[in-house]
Amino acid sequence: MTLDFTSDGHAHCLYDEAIDLHTLGRLQMRRASHIEFNGLTQQWEVRLVGEEAVVFADASRQSCLEWEREYLQGS
C-alpha cells in the first residue's frame, strides 16, 4: 500500500485494511471506480467514476478487481 501526501497534509491512497488509517485521523473516502455485472454481455465491467465508458471487462470479477487495483495504484 502506498500513501501519497500533498503539501497541505492530505493523504491519498487506494484503501486497504493492511494499515489502520484511522490512526492518522478523520477519514474521507471517495470511490474511484465501480465494478458491475452486465447481464447482456455476461461480463463484469469496470467504470471510472464520472465516466460512462467501460475501461475493462472480464467474465471474472476477480480479474476486474485485480485490474482495478493495478490501474489505480499506477495513477
C-alpha atoms as a PDB file:
ATOM      1  CA  MET A   1       0.000   0.000   0.000  1.00  0.00           C
ATOM      2  CA  THR A   2       1.257   3.455  -0.896  1.00  0.00           C
ATOM      3  CA  LEU A   3       0.218   6.663   0.836  1.00  0.00           C
ATOM      4  CA  ASP A   4       0.800   9.885  -1.086  1.00  0.00           C
ATOM      5  CA  PHE A   5       0.765  13.109   0.931  1.00  0.00           C
ATOM      6  CA  THR A   6       0.059  16.515  -0.583  1.00  0.00           C
ATOM      7  CA  SER A   7       1.744  19.699   0.643  1.00  0.00           C
ATOM      8  CA  ASP A   8      -1.415  20.591   2.613  1.00  0.00           C
ATOM      9  CA  GLY A   9      -1.160  17.328   4.603  1.00  0.00           C
ATOM     10  CA  HIS A  10      -3.853  15.288   2.855  1.00  0.00           C
ATOM     11  CA  ALA A  11      -3.100  11.636   2.132  1.00  0.00           C
ATOM     12  CA  HIS A  12      -4.304   9.777  -0.974  1.00  0.00           C
ATOM     13  CA  CYS A  13      -4.297   6.018  -1.483  1.00  0.00           C
ATOM     14  CA  LEU A  14      -6.178   3.008  -2.701  1.00  0.00           C
ATOM     15  CA  TYR A  15      -7.897   1.896   0.500  1.00  0.00           C
ATOM     16  CA  ASP A  16      -6.694  -1.326   2.025  1.00  0.00           C
ATOM     17  CA  GLU A  17      -7.127  -2.564   5.569  1.00  0.00           C
ATOM     18  CA  ALA A  18      -3.434  -3.522   5.741  1.00  0.00           C
ATOM     19  CA  ILE A  19      -2.836  -0.242   7.579  1.00  0.00           C
ATOM     20  CA  ASP A  20      -5.287   1.150  10.144  1.00  0.00           C
ATOM     21  CA  LEU A  21      -5.796   4.556   8.547  1.00  0.00           C
ATOM     22  CA  HIS A  22      -7.954   5.692  11.465  1.00  0.00           C
ATOM     23  CA  THR A  23      -4.750   6.221  13.437  1.00  0.00           C
ATOM     24  CA  LEU A  24      -3.981   9.138  11.090  1.00  0.00           C
ATOM     25  CA  GLY A  25      -7.191  10.966  11.971  1.00  0.00           C
ATOM     26  CA  ARG A  26     -10.584  11.526  10.387  1.00  0.00           C
ATOM     27  CA  LEU A  27     -11.093   9.696   7.083  1.00  0.00           C
ATOM     28  CA  GLN A  28     -12.910  10.770   3.942  1.00  0.00           C
ATOM     29  CA  MET A  29     -13.489   8.146   1.247  1.00  0.00           C
ATOM     30  CA  ARG A  30     -14.407   8.535  -2.420  1.00  0.00           C
ATOM     31  CA  ARG A  31     -14.941   5.751  -4.935  1.00  0.00           C
ATOM     32  CA  ALA A  32     -12.566   5.843  -7.879  1.00  0.00           C
ATOM     33  CA  SER A  33     -14.363   3.139  -9.869  1.00  0.00           C
ATOM     34  CA  HIS A  34     -17.353   0.817  -9.973  1.00  0.00           C
ATOM     35  CA  ILE A  35     -17.478  -2.861 -10.927  1.00  0.00           C
ATOM     36  CA  GLU A  36     -20.871  -4.119 -12.047  1.00  0.00           C
ATOM     37  CA  PHE A  37     -22.123  -7.219 -13.851  1.00  0.00           C
ATOM     38  CA  ASN A  38     -23.607  -6.728 -17.332  1.00  0.00           C
ATOM     39  CA  GLY A  39     -26.321  -9.317 -17.920  1.00  0.00           C
ATOM     40  CA  LEU A  40     -26.272  -8.793 -21.702  1.00  0.00           C
ATOM     41  CA  THR A  41     -22.553  -9.372 -22.182  1.00  0.00           C
ATOM     42  CA  GLN A  42     -22.251 -11.734 -19.199  1.00  0.00           C
ATOM     43  CA  GLN A  43     -19.146  -9.867 -18.085  1.00  0.00           C
ATOM     44  CA  TRP A  44     -18.081  -7.754 -15.139  1.00  0.00           C
ATOM     45  CA  GLU A  45     -17.357  -4.177 -16.207  1.00  0.00           C
ATOM     46  CA  VAL A  46     -15.119  -1.550 -14.629  1.00  0.00           C
ATOM     47  CA  ARG A  47     -16.057   2.100 -14.988  1.00  0.00           C
ATOM     48  CA  LEU A  48     -14.188   5.063 -13.549  1.00  0.00           C
ATOM     49  CA  VAL A  49     -16.265   7.493 -11.501  1.00  0.00           C
ATOM     50  CA  GLY A  50     -17.595  10.290 -13.688  1.00  0.00           C
ATOM     51  CA  GLU A  51     -17.124   8.358 -16.932  1.00  0.00           C
ATOM     52  CA  GLU A  52     -19.657   6.254 -18.814  1.00  0.00           C
ATOM     53  CA  ALA A  53     -17.195   4.196 -20.840  1.00  0.00           C
ATOM     54  CA  VAL A  54     -16.190   0.722 -19.703  1.00  0.00           C
ATOM     55  CA  VAL A  55     -12.430   0.735 -19.143  1.00  0.00           C
ATOM     56  CA  PHE A  56     -12.075  -3.002 -18.535  1.00  0.00           C
ATOM     57  CA  ALA A  57     -14.345  -6.052 -18.726  1.00  0.00           C
ATOM     58  CA  ASP A  58     -13.928  -9.736 -17.965  1.00  0.00           C
ATOM     59  CA  ALA A  59     -16.068 -12.754 -17.134  1.00  0.00           C
ATOM     60  CA  SER A  60     -14.175 -12.958 -13.826  1.00  0.00           C
ATOM     61  CA  ARG A  61     -14.966 -10.390 -11.137  1.00  0.00           C
ATOM     62  CA  GLN A  62     -11.619 -11.205  -9.520  1.00  0.00           C
ATOM     63  CA  SER A  63      -9.827 -10.254 -12.757  1.00  0.00           C
ATOM     64  CA  CYS A  64     -11.655  -6.924 -12.696  1.00  0.00           C
ATOM     65  CA  LEU A  65     -10.671  -6.333  -9.074  1.00  0.00           C
ATOM     66  CA  GLU A  66      -7.021  -7.102  -9.892  1.00  0.00           C
ATOM     67  CA  TRP A  67      -7.104  -4.812 -12.950  1.00  0.00           C
ATOM     68  CA  GLU A  68      -8.720  -2.059 -10.886  1.00  0.00           C
ATOM     69  CA  ARG A  69      -6.039  -2.295  -8.187  1.00  0.00           C
ATOM     70  CA  GLU A  70      -3.166  -2.237 -10.701  1.00  0.00           C
ATOM     71  CA  TYR A  71      -4.675   0.651 -12.653  1.00  0.00           C
ATOM     72  CA  LEU A  72      -5.488   2.770  -9.628  1.00  0.00           C
ATOM     73  CA  GLN A  73      -2.132   2.131  -7.918  1.00  0.00           C
ATOM     74  CA  GLY A  74      -0.425   3.402 -11.077  1.00  0.00           C
ATOM     75  CA  SER A  75      -2.489   6.582 -11.447  1.00  0.00           C
END
